[in-house]
Amino acid sequence: MTTTLDIPRFLLGNVTPEAFFADVWSKRWWHASGPAQRFADVFAPADLGRLALGDLVTGAVPSGSYRATYYDQHGVARAFNAPLEMAAPLVAAGMTLQFTELELTHPRLAMLAAEVGAFVGARGPVTVNSFLSPDGHGFPWHLDNPHVFALQIEGTKRWRLGRRQVVAAPFLTEAEGPRAEATLALLRQLGMPIEPPSDDDSDEITLVAGDVLYMPPGVWHRASAVGGSCHISLLVRPMVFGRLLRAVVAALGIRSEMWRTDLQRMTPETRDAFLTERLAEARAELAAITPAHLVHTLDLLASSPLARLTLLERVRDTL
């Protein structure tokens, strides 16, 4: 891909951007068919073999990370990391491989990610993942935080999509994973009961090469290959008010030495007095925040990877 793509036609076909953003974006999942070679100039199975699976002879760098997924004897999905040279045998053994951050090693996918980000007005980088599944395999019920464009590269994949959307879902929840019950119990404690749908409360679609599936954040889905499948997903992370406020509070915490004081070894009396003082400071700080302040923070997060890393992804390590 040496020239820029016509992204609206590439992703949406005959649907206009105005109609897509008015009727689909953030509201519901959407499926569009296209010619089988629709994505051939961007990503092909040969690219997956050379870049995603890695070229051990030339030393080509694979994606940032990868994991293999399988179902145990109880039907529970299990995932693990493995040496790169085991990737092909794992697929042959019936496991699904997921590779992340392909935009970091694949120039054409890097260009695609940048152009899709500009098209949707993303306030941050667009991530590209790939999924390689043998017949009958895929991922169980789960939901994702980002907007997702799934591009079917090769083969066929059958999807079930829940009809109820969990708006701005706080977690990626795998309903059949080993930590599923603990995760769902925690969400119930937080007043956010999230349960996967039944088949009666979901719809089924089948993607073949050239198809696009869009899912907004919080759509329950599961998928399995029919005779083998390769698809890539473009992930556009939303910037919701809660995440933006978290970044503002993180910045306040970094600036204030007292907000970084360790609470764990304080006596109850000292701790309560300390927290009373910090809460008064926090109320005053939050009361002083204006919409202009939030917009400034939004622009900072959009323009600075370091700001995103410090204030969002690794905030727990900096406070």
C-alpha atoms as a PDB file:
ATOM      1  CA  MET A   1       0.000   0.000   0.000  1.00  0.00           C
ATOM      2  CA  THR A   2       2.029   2.924  -1.292  1.00  0.00           C
ATOM      3  CA  THR A   3      -0.753   5.509  -1.465  1.00  0.00           C
ATOM      4  CA  THR A   4      -3.445   6.521   0.950  1.00  0.00           C
ATOM      5  CA  LEU A   5      -6.645   4.501   0.948  1.00  0.00           C
ATOM      6  CA  ASP A   6     -10.133   5.748   0.346  1.00  0.00           C
ATOM      7  CA  ILE A   7     -10.972   4.785   3.935  1.00  0.00           C
ATOM      8  CA  PRO A   8     -14.749   5.447   3.750  1.00  0.00           C
ATOM      9  CA  ARG A   9     -15.108   3.115   0.759  1.00  0.00           C
ATOM     10  CA  PHE A  10     -12.512   0.675   2.099  1.00  0.00           C
ATOM     11  CA  LEU A  11     -14.371   0.192   5.403  1.00  0.00           C
ATOM     12  CA  LEU A  12     -17.962   1.161   4.627  1.00  0.00           C
ATOM     13  CA  GLY A  13     -18.510   0.224   0.985  1.00  0.00           C
ATOM     14  CA  ASN A  14     -21.522   2.113  -0.311  1.00  0.00           C
ATOM     15  CA  VAL A  15     -22.547   3.492   3.090  1.00  0.00           C
ATOM     16  CA  THR A  16     -21.718   7.178   3.464  1.00  0.00           C
ATOM     17  CA  PRO A  17     -19.649   8.359   6.435  1.00  0.00           C
ATOM     18  CA  GLU A  18     -22.520  10.668   7.414  1.00  0.00           C
ATOM     19  CA  ALA A  19     -24.943   7.741   7.624  1.00  0.00           C
ATOM     20  CA  PHE A  20     -22.446   5.520   9.443  1.00  0.00           C
ATOM     21  CA  PHE A  21     -21.602   8.048  12.138  1.00  0.00           C
ATOM     22  CA  ALA A  22     -25.235   9.093  12.559  1.00  0.00           C
ATOM     23  CA  ASP A  23     -26.837   5.641  12.664  1.00  0.00           C
ATOM     24  CA  VAL A  24     -24.134   3.088  13.596  1.00  0.00           C
ATOM     25  CA  TRP A  25     -21.070   4.503  15.389  1.00  0.00           C
ATOM     26  CA  SER A  26     -21.273   3.849  19.155  1.00  0.00           C
ATOM     27  CA  LYS A  27     -24.885   2.625  18.770  1.00  0.00           C
ATOM     28  CA  ARG A  28     -24.933  -0.897  17.313  1.00  0.00           C
ATOM     29  CA  TRP A  29     -22.929  -3.549  15.510  1.00  0.00           C
ATOM     30  CA  TRP A  30     -22.893  -3.438  11.723  1.00  0.00           C
ATOM     31  CA  HIS A  31     -21.845  -5.867   8.961  1.00  0.00           C
ATOM     32  CA  ALA A  32     -20.900  -5.098   5.354  1.00  0.00           C
ATOM     33  CA  SER A  33     -19.924  -7.516   2.590  1.00  0.00           C
ATOM     34  CA  GLY A  34     -17.308  -6.862  -0.052  1.00  0.00           C
ATOM     35  CA  PRO A  35     -15.255  -8.584  -2.742  1.00  0.00           C
ATOM     36  CA  ALA A  36     -13.012 -11.399  -1.525  1.00  0.00           C
ATOM     37  CA  GLN A  37      -9.831  -9.510  -2.479  1.00  0.00           C
ATOM     38  CA  ARG A  38     -10.965  -6.302  -0.763  1.00  0.00           C
ATOM     39  CA  PHE A  39      -8.017  -6.225   1.655  1.00  0.00           C
ATOM     40  CA  ALA A  40      -5.382  -7.959  -0.490  1.00  0.00           C
ATOM     41  CA  ASP A  41      -3.256  -4.809  -0.874  1.00  0.00           C
ATOM     42  CA  VAL A  42      -3.158  -4.248   2.883  1.00  0.00           C
ATOM     43  CA  PHE A  43      -2.779  -7.653   4.504  1.00  0.00           C
ATOM     44  CA  ALA A  44      -2.539 -11.153   3.083  1.00  0.00           C
ATOM     45  CA  PRO A  45      -1.950 -14.640   4.501  1.00  0.00           C
ATOM     46  CA  ALA A  46       1.650 -14.389   3.289  1.00  0.00           C
ATOM     47  CA  ASP A  47       2.070 -11.340   5.523  1.00  0.00           C
ATOM     48  CA  LEU A  48       0.732 -13.289   8.482  1.00  0.00           C
ATOM     49  CA  GLY A  49       3.242 -16.048   7.900  1.00  0.00           C
ATOM     50  CA  ARG A  50       6.192 -13.683   7.455  1.00  0.00           C
ATOM     51  CA  LEU A  51       5.442 -11.003  10.047  1.00  0.00           C
ATOM     52  CA  ALA A  52       2.930 -12.315  12.577  1.00  0.00           C
ATOM     53  CA  LEU A  53       4.364 -15.815  12.846  1.00  0.00           C
ATOM     54  CA  GLY A  54       7.885 -14.464  12.423  1.00  0.00           C
ATOM     55  CA  ASP A  55      10.701 -15.319  10.049  1.00  0.00           C
ATOM     56  CA  LEU A  56      13.257 -17.147  12.143  1.00  0.00           C
ATOM     57  CA  VAL A  57      15.749 -17.227   9.266  1.00  0.00           C
ATOM     58  CA  THR A  58      15.926 -13.503   8.565  1.00  0.00           C
ATOM     59  CA  GLY A  59      15.105 -12.475  12.115  1.00  0.00           C
ATOM     60  CA  ALA A  60      12.009 -10.482  11.169  1.00  0.00           C
ATOM     61  CA  VAL A  61      10.378  -9.089  14.282  1.00  0.00           C
ATOM     62  CA  PRO A  62       6.913 -10.510  15.020  1.00  0.00           C
ATOM     63  CA  SER A  63       4.049  -8.657  16.658  1.00  0.00           C
ATOM     64  CA  GLY A  64       4.464  -7.138  20.122  1.00  0.00           C
ATOM     65  CA  SER A  65       2.976 -10.209  21.778  1.00  0.00           C
ATOM     66  CA  TYR A  66       0.999 -13.308  21.008  1.00  0.00           C
ATOM     67  CA  ARG A  67      -0.922 -15.945  22.888  1.00  0.00           C
ATOM     68  CA  ALA A  68      -2.535 -19.265  22.077  1.00  0.00           C
ATOM     69  CA  THR A  69      -6.033 -20.193  23.231  1.00  0.00           C
ATOM     70  CA  TYR A  70      -7.574 -23.628  23.666  1.00  0.00           C
ATOM     71  CA  TYR A  71     -10.487 -25.255  25.532  1.00  0.00           C
ATOM     72  CA  ASP A  72      -9.735 -27.640  28.389  1.00  0.00           C
ATOM     73  CA  GLN A  73     -11.619 -30.829  29.218  1.00  0.00           C
ATOM     74  CA  HIS A  74     -14.321 -28.804  30.984  1.00  0.00           C
ATOM     75  CA  GLY A  75     -14.887 -26.505  28.019  1.00  0.00           C
ATOM     76  CA  VAL A  76     -13.169 -23.539  29.701  1.00  0.00           C
ATOM     77  CA  ALA A  77     -11.071 -21.252  27.491  1.00  0.00           C
ATOM     78  CA  ARG A  78      -7.415 -21.156  28.503  1.00  0.00           C
ATOM     79  CA  ALA A  79      -4.729 -18.855  27.104  1.00  0.00           C
ATOM     80  CA  PHE A  80      -0.942 -18.947  27.397  1.00  0.00           C
ATOM     81  CA  ASN A  81       2.167 -17.400  25.878  1.00  0.00           C
ATOM     82  CA  ALA A  82       4.569 -19.646  24.015  1.00  0.00           C
ATOM     83  CA  PRO A  83       7.883 -19.424  22.137  1.00  0.00           C
ATOM     84  CA  LEU A  84       7.460 -17.966  18.680  1.00  0.00           C
ATOM     85  CA  GLU A  85       8.722 -21.084  16.935  1.00  0.00           C
ATOM     86  CA  MET A  86       5.765 -23.018  18.386  1.00  0.00           C
ATOM     87  CA  ALA A  87       3.156 -20.832  16.647  1.00  0.00           C
ATOM     88  CA  ALA A  88       2.648 -22.987  13.563  1.00  0.00           C
ATOM     89  CA  PRO A  89       2.472 -26.289  15.522  1.00  0.00           C
ATOM     90  CA  LEU A  90      -0.044 -24.743  17.931  1.00  0.00           C
ATOM     91  CA  VAL A  91      -2.363 -23.812  15.056  1.00  0.00           C
ATOM     92  CA  ALA A  92      -1.948 -27.315  13.671  1.00  0.00           C
ATOM     93  CA  ALA A  93      -2.924 -28.653  17.114  1.00  0.00           C
ATOM     94  CA  GLY A  94      -6.227 -26.760  16.956  1.00  0.00           C
ATOM     95  CA  MET A  95      -5.453 -23.576  18.893  1.00  0.00           C
ATOM     96  CA  THR A  96      -6.333 -19.966  18.063  1.00  0.00           C
ATOM     97  CA  LEU A  97      -3.441 -17.512  17.918  1.00  0.00           C
ATOM     98  CA  GLN A  98      -3.877 -13.827  18.712  1.00  0.00           C
ATOM     99  CA  PHE A  99      -1.138 -11.362  17.766  1.00  0.00           C
ATOM    100  CA  THR A 100      -1.249  -7.782  19.012  1.00  0.00           C
ATOM    101  CA  GLU A 101       0.172  -4.444  17.896  1.00  0.00           C
ATOM    102  CA  LEU A 102       0.905  -5.483  14.326  1.00  0.00           C
ATOM    103  CA  GLU A 103       0.948  -1.806  13.364  1.00  0.00           C
ATOM    104  CA  LEU A 104       4.345  -1.614  15.081  1.00  0.00           C
ATOM    105  CA  THR A 105       5.966  -4.103  12.682  1.00  0.00           C
ATOM    106  CA  HIS A 106       3.852  -3.984   9.512  1.00  0.00           C
ATOM    107  CA  PRO A 107       4.235  -0.746   7.469  1.00  0.00           C
ATOM    108  CA  ARG A 108       0.989  -1.146   5.542  1.00  0.00           C
ATOM    109  CA  LEU A 109      -0.981  -1.846   8.706  1.00  0.00           C
ATOM    110  CA  ALA A 110       0.708   1.142  10.358  1.00  0.00           C
ATOM    111  CA  MET A 111      -0.552   3.328   7.504  1.00  0.00           C
ATOM    112  CA  LEU A 112      -4.007   1.761   7.691  1.00  0.00           C
ATOM    113  CA  ALA A 113      -4.177   2.344  11.454  1.00  0.00           C
ATOM    114  CA  ALA A 114      -3.165   5.986  11.054  1.00  0.00           C
ATOM    115  CA  GLU A 115      -5.702   6.615   8.296  1.00  0.00           C
ATOM    116  CA  VAL A 116      -8.541   4.900  10.163  1.00  0.00           C
ATOM    117  CA  GLY A 117      -7.667   6.927  13.245  1.00  0.00           C
ATOM    118  CA  ALA A 118      -7.863  10.149  11.251  1.00  0.00           C
ATOM    119  CA  PHE A 119     -11.158   9.060   9.661  1.00  0.00           C
ATOM    120  CA  VAL A 120     -12.914   8.380  12.978  1.00  0.00           C
ATOM    121  CA  GLY A 121     -11.223  11.223  14.864  1.00  0.00           C
ATOM    122  CA  ALA A 122      -9.436   8.906  17.302  1.00  0.00           C
ATOM    123  CA  ARG A 123      -7.802  10.605  20.311  1.00  0.00           C
ATOM    124  CA  GLY A 124      -4.950   8.148  20.401  1.00  0.00           C
ATOM    125  CA  PRO A 125      -3.315   5.351  18.397  1.00  0.00           C
ATOM    126  CA  VAL A 126      -5.323   2.661  16.613  1.00  0.00           C
ATOM    127  CA  THR A 127      -4.132  -0.861  17.425  1.00  0.00           C
ATOM    128  CA  VAL A 128      -4.150  -3.731  14.922  1.00  0.00           C
ATOM    129  CA  ASN A 129      -4.462  -7.332  16.133  1.00  0.00           C
ATOM    130  CA  SER A 130      -4.650 -10.525  14.099  1.00  0.00           C
ATOM    131  CA  PHE A 131      -6.430 -13.802  14.817  1.00  0.00           C
ATOM    132  CA  LEU A 132      -5.632 -17.130  13.228  1.00  0.00           C
ATOM    133  CA  SER A 133      -8.105 -19.919  14.028  1.00  0.00           C
ATOM    134  CA  PRO A 134      -8.407 -23.502  12.816  1.00  0.00           C
ATOM    135  CA  ASP A 135     -11.780 -25.067  12.128  1.00  0.00           C
ATOM    136  CA  GLY A 136     -14.216 -24.823  15.048  1.00  0.00           C
ATOM    137  CA  HIS A 137     -11.997 -22.644  17.215  1.00  0.00           C
ATOM    138  CA  GLY A 138     -12.106 -19.018  18.336  1.00  0.00           C
ATOM    139  CA  PHE A 139     -12.905 -17.063  21.499  1.00  0.00           C
ATOM    140  CA  PRO A 140     -15.813 -17.521  23.946  1.00  0.00           C
ATOM    141  CA  TRP A 141     -18.308 -14.853  25.030  1.00  0.00           C
ATOM    142  CA  HIS A 142     -16.555 -11.609  25.936  1.00  0.00           C
ATOM    143  CA  LEU A 143     -16.874  -7.877  25.443  1.00  0.00           C
ATOM    144  CA  ASP A 144     -14.298  -5.268  24.497  1.00  0.00           C
ATOM    145  CA  ASN A 145     -13.714  -1.679  25.550  1.00  0.00           C
ATOM    146  CA  PRO A 146     -12.644  -0.292  22.143  1.00  0.00           C
ATOM    147  CA  HIS A 147     -14.584   0.266  18.945  1.00  0.00           C
ATOM    148  CA  VAL A 148     -13.674  -2.720  16.734  1.00  0.00           C
ATOM    149  CA  PHE A 149     -13.495  -3.057  12.954  1.00  0.00           C
ATOM    150  CA  ALA A 150     -12.989  -6.754  12.161  1.00  0.00           C
ATOM    151  CA  LEU A 151     -11.708  -7.332   8.622  1.00  0.00           C
ATOM    152  CA  GLN A 152     -12.032 -10.896   7.356  1.00  0.00           C
ATOM    153  CA  ILE A 153      -8.833 -11.646   5.433  1.00  0.00           C
ATOM    154  CA  GLU A 154      -9.189 -15.315   4.615  1.00  0.00           C
ATOM    155  CA  GLY A 155     -11.590 -18.162   5.340  1.00  0.00           C
ATOM    156  CA  THR A 156     -14.875 -17.990   7.224  1.00  0.00           C
ATOM    157  CA  LYS A 157     -15.823 -17.050  10.776  1.00  0.00           C
ATOM    158  CA  ARG A 158     -19.195 -17.416  12.482  1.00  0.00           C
ATOM    159  CA  TRP A 159     -20.066 -14.767  15.079  1.00  0.00           C
ATOM    160  CA  ARG A 160     -22.766 -14.466  17.703  1.00  0.00           C
ATOM    161  CA  LEU A 161     -23.460 -10.886  18.787  1.00  0.00           C
ATOM    162  CA  GLY A 162     -25.469  -9.854  21.831  1.00  0.00           C
ATOM    163  CA  ARG A 163     -28.364  -7.455  21.341  1.00  0.00           C
ATOM    164  CA  ARG A 164     -27.736  -5.620  24.618  1.00  0.00           C
ATOM    165  CA  GLN A 165     -24.803  -3.224  24.708  1.00  0.00           C
ATOM    166  CA  VAL A 166     -22.870  -2.550  27.902  1.00  0.00           C
ATOM    167  CA  VAL A 167     -22.059   1.124  27.446  1.00  0.00           C
ATOM    168  CA  ALA A 168     -18.392   1.978  28.114  1.00  0.00           C
ATOM    169  CA  ALA A 169     -17.731  -1.432  29.672  1.00  0.00           C
ATOM    170  CA  PRO A 170     -15.050  -1.071  32.379  1.00  0.00           C
ATOM    171  CA  PHE A 171     -13.535  -4.505  31.831  1.00  0.00           C
ATOM    172  CA  LEU A 172     -13.009  -7.034  29.113  1.00  0.00           C
ATOM    173  CA  THR A 173     -14.962  -9.939  30.597  1.00  0.00           C
ATOM    174  CA  GLU A 174     -14.522 -13.473  29.313  1.00  0.00           C
ATOM    175  CA  ALA A 175     -17.612 -15.300  30.484  1.00  0.00           C
ATOM    176  CA  GLU A 176     -16.019 -18.735  30.153  1.00  0.00           C
ATOM    177  CA  GLY A 177     -12.517 -17.898  31.366  1.00  0.00           C
ATOM    178  CA  PRO A 178     -11.025 -19.212  34.619  1.00  0.00           C
ATOM    179  CA  ARG A 179     -11.465 -15.806  36.337  1.00  0.00           C
ATOM    180  CA  ALA A 180     -14.939 -15.155  34.943  1.00  0.00           C
ATOM    181  CA  GLU A 181     -16.973 -15.810  38.086  1.00  0.00           C
ATOM    182  CA  ALA A 182     -14.692 -13.674  40.249  1.00  0.00           C
ATOM    183  CA  THR A 183     -14.806 -10.857  37.675  1.00  0.00           C
ATOM    184  CA  LEU A 184     -18.586 -10.955  37.374  1.00  0.00           C
ATOM    185  CA  ALA A 185     -18.928 -11.071  41.168  1.00  0.00           C
ATOM    186  CA  LEU A 186     -16.708  -7.988  41.472  1.00  0.00           C
ATOM    187  CA  LEU A 187     -18.813  -6.126  38.933  1.00  0.00           C
ATOM    188  CA  ARG A 188     -21.953  -7.008  40.868  1.00  0.00           C
ATOM    189  CA  GLN A 189     -20.318  -5.630  44.033  1.00  0.00           C
ATOM    190  CA  LEU A 190     -19.574  -2.420  42.158  1.00  0.00           C
ATOM    191  CA  GLY A 191     -23.216  -2.134  41.135  1.00  0.00           C
ATOM    192  CA  MET A 192     -22.512  -3.075  37.517  1.00  0.00           C
ATOM    193  CA  PRO A 193     -23.976  -6.528  36.907  1.00  0.00           C
ATOM    194  CA  ILE A 194     -22.750  -7.707  33.521  1.00  0.00           C
ATOM    195  CA  GLU A 195     -23.821 -11.111  32.248  1.00  0.00           C
ATOM    196  CA  PRO A 196     -23.292 -12.673  28.817  1.00  0.00           C
ATOM    197  CA  PRO A 197     -26.412 -13.054  26.667  1.00  0.00           C
ATOM    198  CA  SER A 198     -28.227 -16.244  25.859  1.00  0.00           C
ATOM    199  CA  ASP A 199     -28.487 -17.457  22.287  1.00  0.00           C
ATOM    200  CA  ASP A 200     -32.082 -16.183  22.282  1.00  0.00           C
ATOM    201  CA  ASP A 201     -30.778 -12.675  23.036  1.00  0.00           C
ATOM    202  CA  SER A 202     -28.110 -12.660  20.327  1.00  0.00           C
ATOM    203  CA  ASP A 203     -27.815 -12.741  16.550  1.00  0.00           C
ATOM    204  CA  GLU A 204     -25.606 -14.840  14.285  1.00  0.00           C
ATOM    205  CA  ILE A 205     -23.685 -13.645  11.261  1.00  0.00           C
ATOM    206  CA  THR A 206     -21.002 -15.248   9.105  1.00  0.00           C
ATOM    207  CA  LEU A 207     -18.004 -13.346   7.782  1.00  0.00           C
ATOM    208  CA  VAL A 208     -16.191 -14.418   4.617  1.00  0.00           C
ATOM    209  CA  ALA A 209     -13.137 -12.891   2.984  1.00  0.00           C
ATOM    210  CA  GLY A 210     -13.785  -9.221   2.174  1.00  0.00           C
ATOM    211  CA  ASP A 211     -16.389  -8.659   4.905  1.00  0.00           C
ATOM    212  CA  VAL A 212     -16.217  -6.011   7.638  1.00  0.00           C
ATOM    213  CA  LEU A 213     -17.839  -6.187  11.065  1.00  0.00           C
ATOM    214  CA  TYR A 214     -18.042  -3.093  13.256  1.00  0.00           C
ATOM    215  CA  MET A 215     -18.776  -3.395  16.991  1.00  0.00           C
ATOM    216  CA  PRO A 216     -19.034  -0.462  19.401  1.00  0.00           C
ATOM    217  CA  PRO A 217     -17.627  -0.820  22.918  1.00  0.00           C
ATOM    218  CA  GLY A 218     -19.537  -3.198  25.151  1.00  0.00           C
ATOM    219  CA  VAL A 219     -21.074  -5.598  22.613  1.00  0.00           C
ATOM    220  CA  TRP A 220     -20.985  -9.192  23.814  1.00  0.00           C
ATOM    221  CA  HIS A 221     -19.623 -11.489  21.107  1.00  0.00           C
ATOM    222  CA  ARG A 222     -18.097 -14.883  20.465  1.00  0.00           C
ATOM    223  CA  ALA A 223     -16.675 -16.333  17.253  1.00  0.00           C
ATOM    224  CA  SER A 224     -15.439 -19.597  15.790  1.00  0.00           C
ATOM    225  CA  ALA A 225     -13.790 -20.464  12.501  1.00  0.00           C
ATOM    226  CA  VAL A 226     -15.519 -22.504   9.841  1.00  0.00           C
ATOM    227  CA  GLY A 227     -12.817 -24.441   8.034  1.00  0.00           C
ATOM    228  CA  GLY A 228     -10.137 -22.012   9.186  1.00  0.00           C
ATOM    229  CA  SER A 229     -10.056 -18.228   9.482  1.00  0.00           C
ATOM    230  CA  CYS A 230      -7.713 -15.265   9.489  1.00  0.00           C
ATOM    231  CA  HIS A 231      -8.955 -11.779  10.371  1.00  0.00           C
ATOM    232  CA  ILE A 232      -7.495  -8.537  11.659  1.00  0.00           C
ATOM    233  CA  SER A 233      -9.135  -6.170  14.132  1.00  0.00           C
ATOM    234  CA  LEU A 234      -8.654  -2.416  14.234  1.00  0.00           C
ATOM    235  CA  LEU A 235      -9.185  -1.168  17.801  1.00  0.00           C
ATOM    236  CA  VAL A 236     -10.179   2.453  18.430  1.00  0.00           C
ATOM    237  CA  ARG A 237     -10.216   3.258  22.143  1.00  0.00           C
ATOM    238  CA  PRO A 238     -12.985   5.593  23.266  1.00  0.00           C
ATOM    239  CA  MET A 239     -12.306   8.617  25.442  1.00  0.00           C
ATOM    240  CA  VAL A 240     -15.170   8.653  27.922  1.00  0.00           C
ATOM    241  CA  PHE A 241     -15.658  11.176  30.699  1.00  0.00           C
ATOM    242  CA  GLY A 242     -14.662   8.730  33.430  1.00  0.00           C
ATOM    243  CA  ARG A 243     -11.350   7.954  31.721  1.00  0.00           C
ATOM    244  CA  LEU A 244     -10.691  11.635  31.104  1.00  0.00           C
ATOM    245  CA  LEU A 245     -11.445  12.493  34.733  1.00  0.00           C
ATOM    246  CA  ARG A 246      -9.114   9.706  35.842  1.00  0.00           C
ATOM    247  CA  ALA A 247      -6.321  11.306  33.806  1.00  0.00           C
ATOM    248  CA  VAL A 248      -6.984  14.706  35.419  1.00  0.00           C
ATOM    249  CA  VAL A 249      -6.953  13.213  38.915  1.00  0.00           C
ATOM    250  CA  ALA A 250      -3.789  11.262  38.093  1.00  0.00           C
ATOM    251  CA  ALA A 251      -2.088  14.500  37.049  1.00  0.00           C
ATOM    252  CA  LEU A 252      -3.156  16.122  40.328  1.00  0.00           C
ATOM    253  CA  GLY A 253      -1.762  13.169  42.235  1.00  0.00           C
ATOM    254  CA  ILE A 254       1.575  13.336  40.468  1.00  0.00           C
ATOM    255  CA  ARG A 255       1.844  17.064  41.212  1.00  0.00           C
ATOM    256  CA  SER A 256       0.946  16.758  44.906  1.00  0.00           C
ATOM    257  CA  GLU A 257       3.469  15.123  47.212  1.00  0.00           C
ATOM    258  CA  MET A 258       0.862  14.600  49.918  1.00  0.00           C
ATOM    259  CA  TRP A 259      -1.357  12.660  47.505  1.00  0.00           C
ATOM    260  CA  ARG A 260       1.494  10.184  47.033  1.00  0.00           C
ATOM    261  CA  THR A 261       1.864   9.387  50.745  1.00  0.00           C
ATOM    262  CA  ASP A 262       1.545   5.700  51.578  1.00  0.00           C
ATOM    263  CA  LEU A 263      -1.586   4.966  53.659  1.00  0.00           C
ATOM    264  CA  GLN A 264      -0.969   1.342  54.497  1.00  0.00           C
ATOM    265  CA  ARG A 265       0.943   1.676  57.796  1.00  0.00           C
ATOM    266  CA  MET A 266      -0.948   4.638  59.255  1.00  0.00           C
ATOM    267  CA  THR A 267      -2.913   4.170  62.450  1.00  0.00           C
ATOM    268  CA  PRO A 268      -6.702   4.491  62.009  1.00  0.00           C
ATOM    269  CA  GLU A 269      -6.751   7.892  63.715  1.00  0.00           C
ATOM    270  CA  THR A 270      -3.862   9.284  61.638  1.00  0.00           C
ATOM    271  CA  ARG A 271      -5.283   7.807  58.464  1.00  0.00           C
ATOM    272  CA  ASP A 272      -8.755   9.296  59.003  1.00  0.00           C
ATOM    273  CA  ALA A 273      -7.358  12.758  59.677  1.00  0.00           C
ATOM    274  CA  PHE A 274      -5.064  12.498  56.670  1.00  0.00           C
ATOM    275  CA  LEU A 275      -7.915  11.387  54.383  1.00  0.00           C
ATOM    276  CA  THR A 276     -10.168  14.181  55.629  1.00  0.00           C
ATOM    277  CA  GLU A 277      -7.528  16.739  54.633  1.00  0.00           C
ATOM    278  CA  ARG A 278      -6.913  15.127  51.225  1.00  0.00           C
ATOM    279  CA  LEU A 279     -10.650  14.908  50.479  1.00  0.00           C
ATOM    280  CA  ALA A 280     -11.012  18.622  51.194  1.00  0.00           C
ATOM    281  CA  GLU A 281      -8.153  19.289  48.794  1.00  0.00           C
ATOM    282  CA  ALA A 282      -9.657  16.985  46.176  1.00  0.00           C
ATOM    283  CA  ARG A 283     -13.063  18.725  46.368  1.00  0.00           C
ATOM    284  CA  ALA A 284     -11.399  22.104  45.921  1.00  0.00           C
ATOM    285  CA  GLU A 285      -9.322  20.857  42.984  1.00  0.00           C
ATOM    286  CA  LEU A 286     -12.307  19.247  41.254  1.00  0.00           C
ATOM    287  CA  ALA A 287     -14.453  22.326  41.826  1.00  0.00           C
ATOM    288  CA  ALA A 288     -11.850  24.391  39.987  1.00  0.00           C
ATOM    289  CA  ILE A 289     -11.846  22.161  36.892  1.00  0.00           C
ATOM    290  CA  THR A 290     -13.585  23.707  33.881  1.00  0.00           C
ATOM    291  CA  PRO A 291     -14.628  22.202  30.541  1.00  0.00           C
ATOM    292  CA  ALA A 292     -11.679  24.036  28.994  1.00  0.00           C
ATOM    293  CA  HIS A 293      -9.367  22.210  31.424  1.00  0.00           C
ATOM    294  CA  LEU A 294     -10.816  18.865  30.381  1.00  0.00           C
ATOM    295  CA  VAL A 295     -10.481  19.700  26.672  1.00  0.00           C
ATOM    296  CA  HIS A 296      -6.845  20.675  27.248  1.00  0.00           C
ATOM    297  CA  THR A 297      -6.226  17.309  28.926  1.00  0.00           C
ATOM    298  CA  LEU A 298      -7.997  15.542  26.061  1.00  0.00           C
ATOM    299  CA  ASP A 299      -5.711  17.260  23.536  1.00  0.00           C
ATOM    300  CA  LEU A 300      -2.655  16.394  25.643  1.00  0.00           C
ATOM    301  CA  LEU A 301      -3.618  12.710  25.719  1.00  0.00           C
ATOM    302  CA  ALA A 302      -4.205  12.763  21.956  1.00  0.00           C
ATOM    303  CA  SER A 303      -0.838  14.327  21.143  1.00  0.00           C
ATOM    304  CA  SER A 304       1.474  12.666  23.672  1.00  0.00           C
ATOM    305  CA  PRO A 305       2.035   8.904  24.004  1.00  0.00           C
ATOM    306  CA  LEU A 306       3.955   9.629  27.210  1.00  0.00           C
ATOM    307  CA  ALA A 307       0.925  11.437  28.665  1.00  0.00           C
ATOM    308  CA  ARG A 308      -1.327   8.473  27.849  1.00  0.00           C
ATOM    309  CA  LEU A 309       1.170   6.043  29.336  1.00  0.00           C
ATOM    310  CA  THR A 310       1.626   8.091  32.520  1.00  0.00           C
ATOM    311  CA  LEU A 311      -1.943   9.237  33.141  1.00  0.00           C
ATOM    312  CA  LEU A 312      -3.941   6.273  31.871  1.00  0.00           C
ATOM    313  CA  GLU A 313      -2.304   2.940  31.158  1.00  0.00           C
ATOM    314  CA  ARG A 314       0.145   2.937  34.081  1.00  0.00           C
ATOM    315  CA  VAL A 315      -1.427   5.350  36.488  1.00  0.00           C
ATOM    316  CA  ARG A 316      -1.373   2.681  39.206  1.00  0.00           C
ATOM    317  CA  ASP A 317       2.453   2.649  39.057  1.00  0.00           C
ATOM    318  CA  THR A 318       2.878   6.408  39.342  1.00  0.00           C
ATOM    319  CA  LEU A 319       0.669   7.254  42.330  1.00  0.00           C
END
